[in-house]
Amino acid sequence: MKKQPKITFNIKGILSFIVLALISAVMLAAVFIALPYTEKLTDIVSFNLVTKDQDYWTKVYTVSVASGNKKEIEDTKEIIYKRLRDFGVERVNISIGETTSEEIEVTSETEETTEEGEEAKEPEKKTVYKTPLYITVTTTKDTAYIEPLVSLQYEYKVMTRKNGINFDDSSNAMAAYLEENYNKTDFDHTAFRSVYITKLGTSTGGKAYFVIFKPWAHKVDDLRHFLEEHAGDTIGICVNGMVYQYNVPDTISSNVMLYTSTYAENAEDVKELSALYNSGHIPVELTLEDTEDKDTDIVSINYIKVMLGFAAALIVVYLYMFIFKTTKRIELVQSLLTTGIVLSLYISYLKITDTPIDSFILPIEAIITAILVKSLAGNRDSMIYIATAFIITLIFSSIWGTATIVHFSIQMIILTALSCILLPLTKWYINKVKHL
């Protein structure tokens, strides 16, 4: 009887084949989604690339600063710029106008009396200075968020209730919210190191946003002593002229802080509030004098044609290096494949999540990514150092740059990290495919 051949299974080879098939499927899916116009091939899932080009608007805000002091004006300018930048405004330009002055008469009571024994009032002259700031904003943000950022002083301080005022009078519902009904204390913006906006539980069982004021370390004991003196009382936290009520607990915890309710209902509200509280203290009063709409000069390009041109140019460059053998063949294949996968995954993510992007930024990111991948593939021994140095540069750019630079830097950090991860993976993939 003829002996039947023994059937053996190469489990490792089968698993390797399955992994290669899955990786290939993911790569092809990413490329398919990333390609232009492929969103028209199906109605099941929409994956258009959303650009911000049509959402930009430009306004010039004229804000009057009640000061002629150069330092106060410069400080105000820097704080407004920081507010807008922290909120994510893409482009900001602030110029300082000419300071004007005006003498006004102020009536003051003196100790002198008339012959009839009545107290006399003598007019005094006071010089009032005004300096205009011309704030040009170009952004995709909601206009409702921008005006408070450029025109509100947003000073905050802790106050105590004045005696002799009925805060529970139903006929005067605003009594509890008016600053004039409160006494000043030693605790203002200088006593608190930071302000947080976060969600906390409410008495109704739900959750709402609250503003939490955390004091400096050297002010903790003073604030604790102040709260112990007013334990069980209602004090006020005055923010931009409006007083919020704070019921001091009977027992003061070791973690001394104050908190109050706020109008915030979503992430954008929280971002605006955080910029108003934490960008610095504006030392003088602000008045919004005028707003003027302007034409937007944002660069808008046909990103599809540009990206197709980029792909064609990339292939030509790699063909040149292949024909003239300026680079090893395996390195060329690896860097070209990695560049394609990185950009495909990135664009696919933007499409699937409907993440808006500036059309002029996408080609720049693609070019830099192609150069970076080629540099990393050709310098394997120093890949970590190159990537680290590049990421550190991007981090500094995100700290000191405009909102557009911040977005660009964050996106490039993601692309750099993705490139570092996929370079070894593509090398493994190429070696496995060669041995099939």
Foldseek 3Di string as FASTA:
>chain_A
DDDDDDDDDPVVLVVLVVVLVVVVVVLVVLLLLLAPPSLVVDPPAHFDQFACVVLKFKKKWKKKFFDPDPVLVVVLVQLLQQLCQLLQFFDKDKDKADKDKDKDWDWDWDPDADPVRHTDIDIDIDIIMIIIMIMMTIGNDDPVLSVCSNAFLWWKAWWFFDPPDDCPDPVCVCLQWAPVRTHGDPGILQFFDAKAWDWDADPVGHIAIKIKTAGDPVCLVVQVVVLQVQAQHWIWMATRRTTFIFGRHNDADPRDIGMGHDPDDDDSSRSSVRSSSPSDGNPTHMDGDDMDTDDDDDDADPLNVLVVVVVVVLVVVLVVCVVVVVDDPLLSVLLVSLLSSLLSNLSSVSRNVVPYHHSVLSSVLSVVLSVLSSVCSVCVVCNVVVLVVLLVVLVVCLVPHGSNSVVSSVSSNVSSVSSVVCSVVSSVSVVSVVVD
